[in-house]
Amino acid sequence: MGRPVARRLQAAVATLALAAATGAVLSAPEAAAATGSATGYATQNGGTTGGAGGQTVRATTGTQIHEALCGRADSGTPIVIEVEGTINHGNTTKVSGSSCNTAAGVIELKQISNVTIVGVGSGAVFDQLGIHLREASNIIIQNVTVRNVKKSGSPTSNGGDAIGMESGVRNVWVDHTTLEASGGESEGYDGLFDMKANTQYVTLSYSILRNSGRGGLVGSSESDLSNGFITYHHNLYENIDSRAPLLRGGIAHIYNNHYVKLNESGINSRAGARAKVENNYFEDSKDVLGTFYTDEAGYWQVSGNTLDNVTWSSPGGTTNPAGPDMKSTTTVDIPYTYRADTAGCVPDVVSRTAGAGTGLKVSDGNCTPQTPTPTPTDPTPGPTDPTPGPTDPTPPTGTNLSIGAGSDGSSKAAGTSYGDLRDGNPNTYWSPAGPTGSASIKWASATAISSVVIREAADSTGAIKTWRLLDGDTGAELTSGEGAGAISFPRTSLRKITFEITGSTGTPRIAEFETYAG
């Protein structure tokens, strides 16, 4: 028996074992939904692939979803869970296991990674039952409807959020979903799409958010500023009172969305948040952009938007609308490639692509919907796939632990900052005062690290020639080498790690100093 055949047989046996353990139904390969590829900020920080390459399991109850998670070898084993039918309180119970941490009455993606949940065919329905992500990473949710999730009344689930994320969540792609309520807070509902407590690198695309008092937030309070790098594109916001979205701190990219009937306010950028708002279509709405309900200002960069029957409040007190003459108050550099449709065609394109049950159609960037090519389970890079070079290394799998950490160094050139080493923005950088120098990432407590990625700024490619990587606690050398890029070394627990440039040509400039546990 050849090795490829043997490997396929071993995988099939493992898949059957998982199905037997969980009671879930395995889907035939031809029935697997095409997921396409993540877009926006979900492509950063190592990317978002969900359960790609793992087993595919069919689930028709919430309990079976939990069983599939709990039946994996460990909490990071990739899995694709195809969901069919209606998931509700009556069929969603807690399941225990070493690879999961679930709860009854909510789909709980807690302390896990590498999972895809995708609705089959016209999409699955989560009825009065929310999806909760906590301490989770590399998650895809696609082609599902989540409706009427309540925080008060009966039944309650997920604090009233249709999809809620909190506590160290990284790399989530939510795509072609329908998130809806039947009223506002007084009727027992909360947000449709909420992120808080250090949630980063998230994309919401081709989705419908409607009939709710609150569309969604980034940051639970003015002091919760650890969230950011969120993309919203090709979504329909319809009959929403406010929070479309509410941004507290962080960076958001908001483009090609169709807003209809924003009743009180729309994009609410506050507490230092910066939003790039481009090529959206705002219709029959009020105060679609600005800083509202606070005197802690946020900022925006605007271009290409269409305002169709939009009204504005007079500025004053805690009301600071961006219109009627919308002008940019900041600039936001976007690190990924994208093609934005012109605003004029957004209502048509979004009406034909957004939401569950639309065939996962996407826009080609020229106002034309199309069906994406199915993602292979074992893709082979083709001649058009870029080969990572020294300034664009492929990051290790996992979370970039530099985000949210501290930083310092031996010196810095005028106009540069140690904070730019860990801001997730490739267009900002730290540079030493001379041809050599060192920069460090540091944490409040010991952190296990086994690899780093040093990304040079675009205009200083190849400037770094020789370097040493040091344990900043002890001064011990972890490894040394030449040229920037991905660096691996024996896993070390430390509170500070230092990259020392010992030789360079030109002016060395480091855009990002990324750190990883794996």
Protein backbone atom coordinates (compact mmCIF):
# COMPACT_ATOMS: atom_id res chain seq x y z
CA MET A 1 0.00 0.00 0.00
CA GLY A 2 1.45 3.41 -1.02
CA ARG A 3 2.01 6.05 1.62
CA PRO A 4 -0.65 8.50 0.29
CA VAL A 5 -3.26 5.73 0.32
CA ALA A 6 -2.20 4.66 3.79
CA ARG A 7 -2.44 8.20 5.08
CA ARG A 8 -5.94 8.57 3.62
CA LEU A 9 -6.98 5.26 5.20
CA GLN A 10 -5.60 6.35 8.58
CA ALA A 11 -7.49 9.64 8.31
CA ALA A 12 -10.70 7.84 7.41
CA VAL A 13 -10.36 5.50 10.40
CA ALA A 14 -9.75 8.47 12.72
CA THR A 15 -12.78 10.27 11.27
CA LEU A 16 -15.02 7.24 11.82
CA ALA A 17 -13.74 6.96 15.39
CA LEU A 18 -14.65 10.58 16.06
CA ALA A 19 -18.12 10.08 14.61
CA ALA A 20 -18.67 6.99 16.72
CA ALA A 21 -17.55 8.84 19.84
CA THR A 22 -19.72 11.91 19.26
CA GLY A 23 -22.78 10.48 17.56
CA ALA A 24 -22.38 13.05 14.80
CA VAL A 25 -22.97 12.21 11.16
CA LEU A 26 -20.01 12.40 8.81
CA SER A 27 -20.62 14.39 5.67
CA ALA A 28 -19.71 13.12 2.25
CA PRO A 29 -16.80 15.02 0.67
CA GLU A 30 -19.02 16.37 -2.09
CA ALA A 31 -21.43 17.81 0.50
CA ALA A 32 -18.78 19.91 2.23
CA ALA A 33 -19.47 23.63 1.96
CA ALA A 34 -16.98 25.83 0.13
CA THR A 35 -15.56 28.32 2.57
CA GLY A 36 -13.42 30.47 0.28
CA SER A 37 -10.65 32.37 2.03
CA ALA A 38 -10.62 34.84 4.89
CA THR A 39 -10.46 38.54 4.09
CA GLY A 40 -9.58 41.75 5.93
CA TYR A 41 -7.81 41.80 9.27
CA ALA A 42 -8.55 38.10 9.75
CA THR A 43 -5.77 37.48 7.19
CA GLN A 44 -3.20 39.11 9.48
CA ASN A 45 -1.40 37.74 12.56
CA GLY A 46 -0.80 34.40 10.84
CA GLY A 47 -4.15 34.25 9.05
CA THR A 48 -7.46 32.52 9.72
CA THR A 49 -8.05 29.04 8.29
CA GLY A 50 -10.40 27.54 10.89
CA GLY A 51 -10.53 23.78 10.78
CA ALA A 52 -8.95 23.41 7.34
CA GLY A 53 -7.12 20.11 7.01
CA GLY A 54 -9.05 18.51 9.86
CA GLN A 55 -11.92 16.07 10.02
CA THR A 56 -15.37 17.08 8.79
CA VAL A 57 -18.34 16.18 10.98
CA ARG A 58 -22.07 16.79 10.44
CA ALA A 59 -24.09 18.00 13.46
CA THR A 60 -27.85 18.50 13.75
CA THR A 61 -27.97 19.54 17.43
CA GLY A 62 -26.02 21.86 19.66
CA THR A 63 -25.03 18.88 21.77
CA GLN A 64 -23.45 17.27 18.72
CA ILE A 65 -21.48 20.45 18.05
CA HIS A 66 -20.11 20.26 21.58
CA GLU A 67 -19.45 16.53 21.22
CA ALA A 68 -17.44 17.15 18.07
CA LEU A 69 -15.30 19.72 19.90
CA CYS A 70 -14.85 17.42 22.89
CA GLY A 71 -14.04 14.38 20.76
CA ARG A 72 -10.85 15.87 19.32
CA ALA A 73 -7.39 14.71 20.36
CA ASP A 74 -6.75 18.13 21.94
CA SER A 75 -8.19 21.64 22.01
CA GLY A 76 -6.21 22.67 18.91
CA THR A 77 -6.94 19.69 16.64
CA PRO A 78 -8.49 21.15 13.43
CA ILE A 79 -12.12 20.29 12.77
CA VAL A 80 -14.88 21.38 10.38
CA ILE A 81 -18.37 21.08 11.85
CA GLU A 82 -21.14 21.20 9.26
CA VAL A 83 -24.39 22.21 10.92
CA GLU A 84 -27.82 21.32 9.59
CA GLY A 85 -31.26 22.21 10.92
CA THR A 86 -32.21 24.28 13.95
CA ILE A 87 -30.05 24.51 17.05
CA ASN A 88 -31.90 25.58 20.19
CA HIS A 89 -31.97 25.26 23.99
CA GLY A 90 -33.76 21.93 23.81
CA ASN A 91 -30.92 20.25 21.92
CA THR A 92 -27.85 22.04 23.32
CA THR A 93 -26.35 20.56 26.48
CA LYS A 94 -22.98 20.74 28.19
CA VAL A 95 -20.44 18.12 27.13
CA SER A 96 -17.24 17.46 29.05
CA GLY A 97 -13.81 16.53 27.75
CA SER A 98 -10.14 17.43 27.85
CA SER A 99 -10.33 19.27 24.50
CA CYS A 100 -13.35 21.46 25.28
CA ASN A 101 -15.04 23.67 27.86
CA THR A 102 -18.72 23.84 26.94
CA ALA A 103 -21.94 24.96 28.62
CA ALA A 104 -25.64 24.30 28.18
CA GLY A 105 -27.81 26.86 26.44
CA VAL A 106 -25.02 28.39 24.36
CA ILE A 107 -22.59 27.24 21.67
CA GLU A 108 -19.38 27.58 23.64
CA LEU A 109 -16.07 27.96 21.77
CA LYS A 110 -13.92 28.40 24.85
CA GLN A 111 -10.17 27.81 25.22
CA ILE A 112 -9.99 26.17 21.79
CA SER A 113 -8.58 26.85 18.33
CA ASN A 114 -8.74 25.76 14.68
CA VAL A 115 -12.49 25.30 14.26
CA THR A 116 -14.90 25.94 11.38
CA ILE A 117 -18.66 25.99 11.97
CA VAL A 118 -20.49 26.17 8.65
CA GLY A 119 -24.17 25.83 7.82
CA VAL A 120 -25.12 23.28 5.19
CA GLY A 121 -27.04 24.30 2.08
CA SER A 122 -29.37 27.18 2.88
CA GLY A 123 -27.73 27.48 6.29
CA ALA A 124 -28.34 26.37 9.86
CA VAL A 125 -30.43 28.35 12.37
CA PHE A 126 -29.37 29.06 15.95
CA ASP A 127 -32.73 29.96 17.49
CA GLN A 128 -32.58 32.03 20.72
CA LEU A 129 -29.13 30.53 21.22
CA GLY A 130 -25.91 32.57 20.98
CA ILE A 131 -22.38 31.64 19.92
CA HIS A 132 -19.76 32.57 22.51
CA LEU A 133 -16.00 32.74 21.88
CA ARG A 134 -13.64 33.06 24.83
CA GLU A 135 -9.85 32.53 24.78
CA ALA A 136 -10.24 31.13 21.28
CA SER A 137 -8.27 31.56 18.06
CA ASN A 138 -8.45 30.68 14.37
CA ILE A 139 -12.23 30.32 14.17
CA ILE A 140 -14.51 30.49 11.11
CA ILE A 141 -18.30 30.85 11.40
CA GLN A 142 -20.12 30.79 8.09
CA ASN A 143 -23.56 30.42 6.50
CA VAL A 144 -25.60 30.43 9.71
CA THR A 145 -28.50 32.46 11.11
CA VAL A 146 -28.47 33.47 14.78
CA ARG A 147 -31.73 35.01 15.92
CA ASN A 148 -33.52 36.40 18.96
CA VAL A 149 -30.83 35.82 21.59
CA LYS A 150 -31.94 37.36 24.91
CA LYS A 151 -30.18 38.56 28.04
CA SER A 152 -33.45 38.90 29.97
CA GLY A 153 -36.78 37.14 29.79
CA SER A 154 -36.82 33.51 28.72
CA PRO A 155 -34.84 31.77 27.49
CA THR A 156 -31.53 33.65 27.89
CA SER A 157 -28.21 32.92 26.21
CA ASN A 158 -24.77 34.49 25.78
CA GLY A 159 -25.61 37.69 27.61
CA GLY A 160 -28.03 38.58 24.84
CA ASP A 161 -25.39 38.65 22.07
CA ALA A 162 -25.93 36.74 18.84
CA ILE A 163 -22.15 36.32 18.49
CA GLY A 164 -19.96 37.49 21.36
CA MET A 165 -16.16 37.38 21.73
CA GLU A 166 -14.04 38.15 24.80
CA SER A 167 -10.81 37.46 26.67
CA GLY A 168 -7.89 37.01 24.31
CA VAL A 169 -9.76 36.03 21.16
CA ARG A 170 -7.66 36.11 17.98
CA ASN A 171 -8.27 35.59 14.27
CA VAL A 172 -11.97 35.09 13.68
CA TRP A 173 -13.74 35.23 10.33
CA VAL A 174 -17.56 35.51 10.45
CA ASP A 175 -18.95 35.33 6.93
CA HIS A 176 -22.33 35.07 5.20
CA THR A 177 -24.29 35.05 8.43
CA THR A 178 -27.66 36.53 9.34
CA LEU A 179 -27.76 38.04 12.82
CA GLU A 180 -31.11 39.39 13.91
CA ALA A 181 -33.24 40.30 16.91
CA SER A 182 -36.81 41.44 17.37
CA GLY A 183 -36.24 44.62 19.35
CA GLY A 184 -33.91 46.44 21.69
CA GLU A 185 -32.70 46.21 25.27
CA SER A 186 -36.17 46.79 26.72
CA GLU A 187 -37.34 43.66 24.92
CA GLY A 188 -34.45 41.64 26.38
CA TYR A 189 -31.90 41.77 23.53
CA ASP A 190 -28.34 43.10 23.50
CA GLY A 191 -25.75 43.22 20.69
CA LEU A 192 -25.62 41.24 17.47
CA PHE A 193 -21.81 41.18 17.12
CA ASP A 194 -19.79 42.14 20.21
CA MET A 195 -16.04 42.07 20.93
CA LYS A 196 -14.36 42.92 24.23
CA ALA A 197 -11.49 42.15 26.60
CA ASN A 198 -8.59 41.87 24.13
CA THR A 199 -10.23 40.59 20.95
CA GLN A 200 -8.25 41.23 17.77
CA TYR A 201 -7.92 40.35 14.08
CA VAL A 202 -11.58 39.80 13.24
CA THR A 203 -13.48 40.13 9.95
CA LEU A 204 -17.27 40.32 9.53
CA SER A 205 -18.16 39.97 5.86
CA TYR A 206 -21.21 39.45 3.66
CA SER A 207 -23.56 39.34 6.64
CA ILE A 208 -26.94 40.80 7.57
CA LEU A 209 -27.49 42.53 10.92
CA ARG A 210 -31.06 43.72 11.42
CA ASN A 211 -33.98 44.59 13.68
CA SER A 212 -31.92 45.27 16.79
CA GLY A 213 -31.32 48.12 19.17
CA ARG A 214 -27.59 47.43 19.03
CA GLY A 215 -25.58 46.28 16.04
CA GLY A 216 -22.37 45.55 17.92
CA LEU A 217 -19.45 46.97 19.83
CA VAL A 218 -15.66 46.79 20.07
CA GLY A 219 -14.77 47.38 23.74
CA SER A 220 -17.18 47.06 26.65
CA SER A 221 -16.24 50.40 28.29
CA GLU A 222 -14.02 53.45 27.81
CA SER A 223 -11.28 51.57 29.68
CA ASP A 224 -11.52 48.41 27.54
CA LEU A 225 -9.14 49.57 24.81
CA SER A 226 -7.30 46.29 24.11
CA ASN A 227 -9.44 45.36 21.10
CA GLY A 228 -8.95 46.21 17.46
CA PHE A 229 -7.93 45.33 13.92
CA ILE A 230 -11.50 44.62 12.82
CA THR A 231 -12.80 44.61 9.23
CA TYR A 232 -16.46 45.04 8.28
CA HIS A 233 -17.23 44.70 4.59
CA HIS A 234 -20.21 43.93 2.34
CA ASN A 235 -22.63 43.73 5.25
CA LEU A 236 -26.22 44.97 5.45
CA TYR A 237 -27.16 46.89 8.60
CA GLU A 238 -30.94 47.33 8.56
CA ASN A 239 -33.27 48.83 11.18
CA ILE A 240 -30.57 49.24 13.83
CA ASP A 241 -30.87 51.89 16.54
CA SER A 242 -27.13 52.35 17.21
CA ARG A 243 -23.69 50.65 17.37
CA ALA A 244 -23.11 49.96 13.70
CA PRO A 245 -20.54 49.47 15.15
CA LEU A 246 -19.49 51.22 18.39
CA LEU A 247 -15.69 51.41 18.50
CA ARG A 248 -13.74 52.06 21.69
CA GLY A 249 -10.06 52.33 20.84
CA GLY A 250 -8.34 50.20 18.22
CA ILE A 251 -8.47 50.28 14.43
CA ALA A 252 -11.35 49.30 12.16
CA HIS A 253 -11.74 49.13 8.39
CA ILE A 254 -15.34 49.62 7.29
CA TYR A 255 -16.06 49.43 3.57
CA ASN A 256 -18.76 48.46 1.08
CA ASN A 257 -21.49 48.11 3.69
CA HIS A 258 -25.12 49.06 3.04
CA TYR A 259 -26.74 50.91 5.94
CA VAL A 260 -30.53 51.26 5.87
CA LYS A 261 -32.55 52.86 8.66
CA LEU A 262 -29.97 53.59 11.32
CA ASN A 263 -32.44 55.14 13.73
CA GLU A 264 -30.27 56.96 16.30
CA SER A 265 -26.61 56.67 15.27
CA GLY A 266 -24.36 54.51 13.13
CA ILE A 267 -20.59 54.16 13.26
CA ASN A 268 -19.66 55.53 16.69
CA SER A 269 -15.89 56.03 16.90
CA ARG A 270 -14.83 57.05 20.41
CA ALA A 271 -12.12 56.75 23.06
CA GLY A 272 -9.32 57.12 20.52
CA ALA A 273 -10.62 54.60 17.98
CA ARG A 274 -9.58 55.11 14.38
CA ALA A 275 -11.81 53.93 11.54
CA LYS A 276 -11.26 53.91 7.79
CA VAL A 277 -14.76 54.34 6.37
CA GLU A 278 -14.90 54.06 2.60
CA ASN A 279 -17.31 53.28 -0.23
CA ASN A 280 -20.29 52.59 2.00
CA TYR A 281 -23.91 53.42 1.12
CA PHE A 282 -25.90 55.12 3.90
CA GLU A 283 -29.63 55.35 3.31
CA ASP A 284 -32.65 56.70 5.24
CA SER A 285 -30.52 57.07 8.37
CA LYS A 286 -29.47 59.50 11.10
CA ASP A 287 -25.99 60.44 12.36
CA VAL A 288 -24.27 57.68 10.41
CA LEU A 289 -20.76 58.54 11.62
CA GLY A 290 -19.25 60.45 14.52
CA THR A 291 -18.55 60.36 18.26
CA PHE A 292 -21.76 59.97 20.25
CA TYR A 293 -22.80 59.67 23.91
CA THR A 294 -19.30 60.58 25.19
CA ASP A 295 -16.80 63.41 25.17
CA GLU A 296 -13.89 60.98 24.55
CA ALA A 297 -13.27 61.53 20.86
CA GLY A 298 -12.64 58.96 18.18
CA TYR A 299 -11.38 59.55 14.65
CA TRP A 300 -12.13 58.58 11.06
CA GLN A 301 -10.79 58.63 7.53
CA VAL A 302 -13.58 58.90 4.96
CA SER A 303 -13.72 58.52 1.19
CA GLY A 304 -16.13 57.40 -1.52
CA ASN A 305 -19.24 57.09 0.68
CA THR A 306 -22.78 57.80 -0.56
CA LEU A 307 -25.29 59.57 1.70
CA ASP A 308 -28.89 59.02 0.59
CA ASN A 309 -31.47 60.78 2.78
CA VAL A 310 -29.18 61.06 5.79
CA THR A 311 -29.98 63.53 8.58
CA TRP A 312 -27.60 64.97 11.18
CA SER A 313 -27.92 66.24 14.73
CA SER A 314 -26.43 69.57 15.72
CA PRO A 315 -23.05 69.16 17.46
CA GLY A 316 -22.81 69.88 21.15
CA GLY A 317 -22.16 68.20 24.47
CA THR A 318 -21.60 64.50 23.88
CA THR A 319 -22.83 64.63 20.29
CA ASN A 320 -20.16 65.11 17.62
CA PRO A 321 -21.49 64.01 14.21
CA ALA A 322 -19.08 63.77 11.28
CA GLY A 323 -21.60 65.35 8.88
CA PRO A 324 -23.20 66.82 6.99
CA ASP A 325 -19.82 67.66 5.45
CA MET A 326 -17.88 64.52 6.32
CA LYS A 327 -14.13 65.11 6.47
CA SER A 328 -11.27 62.91 7.62
CA THR A 329 -9.79 63.50 11.06
CA THR A 330 -7.05 60.85 10.85
CA THR A 331 -5.39 58.46 8.42
CA VAL A 332 -5.48 54.68 8.67
CA ASP A 333 -3.03 52.45 6.79
CA ILE A 334 -4.48 49.08 5.78
CA PRO A 335 -1.89 46.25 5.73
CA TYR A 336 -3.77 43.81 3.47
CA THR A 337 -4.90 43.94 -0.15
CA TYR A 338 -8.57 44.37 -1.05
CA ARG A 339 -10.74 45.65 -3.89
CA ALA A 340 -13.57 47.95 -2.90
CA ASP A 341 -16.69 48.23 -5.04
CA THR A 342 -17.87 51.75 -5.83
CA ALA A 343 -20.50 52.91 -3.35
CA GLY A 344 -23.18 53.28 -6.00
CA CYS A 345 -23.44 49.56 -6.61
CA VAL A 346 -23.17 48.50 -2.97
CA PRO A 347 -26.96 48.13 -2.36
CA ASP A 348 -27.26 45.77 -5.33
CA VAL A 349 -24.12 43.75 -4.61
CA VAL A 350 -24.92 43.38 -0.91
CA SER A 351 -28.54 42.38 -1.64
CA ARG A 352 -27.28 39.51 -3.79
CA THR A 353 -24.42 38.30 -1.60
CA ALA A 354 -25.00 39.05 2.09
CA GLY A 355 -26.53 36.70 4.64
CA ALA A 356 -26.93 32.97 5.14
CA GLY A 357 -28.36 30.93 2.30
CA THR A 358 -27.03 33.11 -0.53
CA GLY A 359 -24.63 30.52 -1.91
CA LEU A 360 -21.56 32.16 -0.36
CA LYS A 361 -21.41 34.57 -3.29
CA VAL A 362 -18.87 37.39 -3.07
CA SER A 363 -18.10 40.50 -5.09
CA ASP A 364 -15.20 40.59 -7.52
CA GLY A 365 -14.50 44.25 -6.64
CA ASN A 366 -16.15 45.35 -9.88
CA CYS A 367 -19.73 45.23 -8.60
CA THR A 368 -20.29 41.68 -9.87
CA PRO A 369 -21.25 38.84 -7.50
CA GLN A 370 -19.57 35.51 -8.08
CA THR A 371 -19.29 32.13 -6.41
CA PRO A 372 -15.87 31.57 -4.81
CA THR A 373 -13.75 28.61 -5.73
CA PRO A 374 -13.97 25.88 -3.06
CA THR A 375 -10.97 25.80 -0.77
CA PRO A 376 -8.98 22.55 -1.26
CA THR A 377 -8.48 20.50 1.88
CA ASP A 378 -4.78 20.10 1.06
CA PRO A 379 -3.90 23.05 -1.17
CA THR A 380 -0.69 23.04 -3.15
CA PRO A 381 0.81 26.48 -3.76
CA GLY A 382 0.74 27.39 -7.42
CA PRO A 383 2.95 29.66 -9.46
CA THR A 384 0.89 32.72 -8.43
CA ASP A 385 1.26 32.07 -4.70
CA PRO A 386 3.84 34.47 -3.28
CA THR A 387 6.95 33.05 -1.69
CA PRO A 388 7.65 34.71 1.65
CA GLY A 389 10.84 36.71 1.57
CA PRO A 390 12.96 38.22 4.33
CA THR A 391 10.57 41.15 4.80
CA ASP A 392 7.40 39.07 4.51
CA PRO A 393 8.01 35.90 6.52
CA THR A 394 5.31 33.34 7.16
CA PRO A 395 4.51 33.73 10.85
CA PRO A 396 4.37 30.72 13.13
CA THR A 397 0.97 29.31 14.00
CA GLY A 398 -0.78 30.94 16.93
CA THR A 399 -1.22 34.32 18.56
CA ASN A 400 1.24 37.18 18.21
CA LEU A 401 2.01 37.70 21.90
CA SER A 402 3.61 41.09 21.27
CA ILE A 403 0.17 42.65 20.80
CA GLY A 404 -0.76 44.03 24.20
CA ALA A 405 2.76 43.57 25.63
CA GLY A 406 5.30 46.28 26.50
CA SER A 407 8.46 47.30 24.65
CA ASP A 408 11.68 49.23 25.13
CA GLY A 409 15.22 49.30 23.74
CA SER A 410 18.72 50.74 23.75
CA SER A 411 17.95 53.81 21.62
CA LYS A 412 15.52 55.10 19.04
CA ALA A 413 15.92 57.39 16.06
CA ALA A 414 13.96 60.63 15.98
CA GLY A 415 10.36 60.11 14.92
CA THR A 416 10.29 56.40 15.73
CA SER A 417 8.76 54.55 18.65
CA TYR A 418 9.22 51.29 20.55
CA GLY A 419 5.42 50.98 20.55
CA ASP A 420 5.47 50.67 16.75
CA LEU A 421 7.16 47.28 17.15
CA ARG A 422 3.91 45.79 18.48
CA ASP A 423 1.05 47.82 16.97
CA GLY A 424 0.23 45.42 14.11
CA ASN A 425 0.81 48.19 11.58
CA PRO A 426 3.54 47.47 8.97
CA ASN A 427 3.72 51.14 8.03
CA THR A 428 5.14 52.28 11.39
CA TYR A 429 8.53 51.25 12.74
CA TRP A 430 11.32 51.52 15.31
CA SER A 431 14.81 52.40 14.23
CA PRO A 432 17.94 52.58 16.43
CA ALA A 433 19.81 55.87 16.72
CA GLY A 434 22.74 54.34 14.80
CA PRO A 435 23.54 51.30 12.63
CA THR A 436 23.25 48.94 15.62
CA GLY A 437 21.02 48.77 18.67
CA SER A 438 18.47 46.60 20.42
CA ALA A 439 14.71 46.45 20.98
CA SER A 440 12.76 44.31 23.44
CA ILE A 441 9.25 42.95 23.97
CA LYS A 442 8.31 42.46 27.62
CA TRP A 443 5.47 41.03 29.70
CA ALA A 444 4.35 41.46 33.30
CA SER A 445 4.81 37.74 34.00
CA ALA A 446 6.87 34.89 32.55
CA THR A 447 5.76 33.98 29.03
CA ALA A 448 6.79 30.92 27.01
CA ILE A 449 8.24 31.84 23.59
CA SER A 450 9.74 29.60 20.92
CA SER A 451 9.81 31.81 17.83
CA VAL A 452 9.79 35.43 16.71
CA VAL A 453 9.27 37.22 13.42
CA ILE A 454 11.26 40.37 12.64
CA ARG A 455 9.57 42.34 9.86
CA GLU A 456 11.60 45.09 8.26
CA ALA A 457 9.86 48.22 6.99
CA ALA A 458 9.33 48.23 3.24
CA ASP A 459 11.91 50.93 2.57
CA SER A 460 14.70 49.22 4.50
CA THR A 461 14.61 45.72 3.06
CA GLY A 462 17.80 43.81 3.80
CA ALA A 463 19.31 46.49 6.02
CA ILE A 464 19.65 44.10 8.97
CA LYS A 465 22.67 41.87 8.39
CA THR A 466 23.63 40.19 11.66
CA TRP A 467 21.78 39.91 14.97
CA ARG A 468 21.49 38.17 18.30
CA LEU A 469 18.33 37.16 20.13
CA LEU A 470 18.67 37.39 23.91
CA ASP A 471 16.80 36.36 27.02
CA GLY A 472 16.18 39.84 28.40
CA ASP A 473 15.92 38.51 31.95
CA THR A 474 19.35 36.90 32.05
CA GLY A 475 21.21 38.26 29.02
CA ALA A 476 21.72 34.72 27.71
CA GLU A 477 21.89 34.33 23.94
CA LEU A 478 18.97 32.29 22.57
CA THR A 479 20.23 32.25 18.98
CA SER A 480 21.98 34.41 16.38
CA GLY A 481 21.96 34.77 12.63
CA GLU A 482 21.77 36.94 9.55
CA GLY A 483 18.87 38.79 7.92
CA ALA A 484 15.37 39.51 9.23
CA GLY A 485 12.52 37.01 9.12
CA ALA A 486 11.17 34.10 11.12
CA ILE A 487 13.46 32.88 13.93
CA SER A 488 12.99 29.69 15.93
CA PHE A 489 14.75 28.62 19.12
CA PRO A 490 14.18 26.23 22.06
CA ARG A 491 11.03 27.15 23.96
CA THR A 492 11.98 29.55 26.76
CA SER A 493 9.95 31.07 29.57
CA LEU A 494 10.91 34.72 30.07
CA ARG A 495 9.52 38.15 30.81
CA LYS A 496 11.61 40.01 28.24
CA ILE A 497 13.08 39.09 24.88
CA THR A 498 15.64 41.29 23.09
CA PHE A 499 16.55 41.52 19.41
CA GLU A 500 20.03 43.02 19.08
CA ILE A 501 21.21 44.30 15.68
CA THR A 502 24.96 43.75 15.54
CA GLY A 503 25.54 44.62 11.90
CA SER A 504 23.61 46.52 9.24
CA THR A 505 23.78 48.45 5.98
CA GLY A 506 21.75 51.55 5.46
CA THR A 507 19.28 52.36 8.24
CA PRO A 508 17.69 49.34 9.96
CA ARG A 509 13.95 49.78 10.54
CA ILE A 510 11.78 47.15 12.22
CA ALA A 511 8.06 47.43 11.51
CA GLU A 512 6.98 44.51 13.71
CA PHE A 513 8.67 42.39 16.39
CA GLU A 514 6.26 39.46 16.65
CA THR A 515 6.52 36.73 19.30
CA TYR A 516 4.89 33.29 19.38
CA ALA A 517 4.59 30.41 21.78
CA GLY A 518 4.59 27.83 19.01
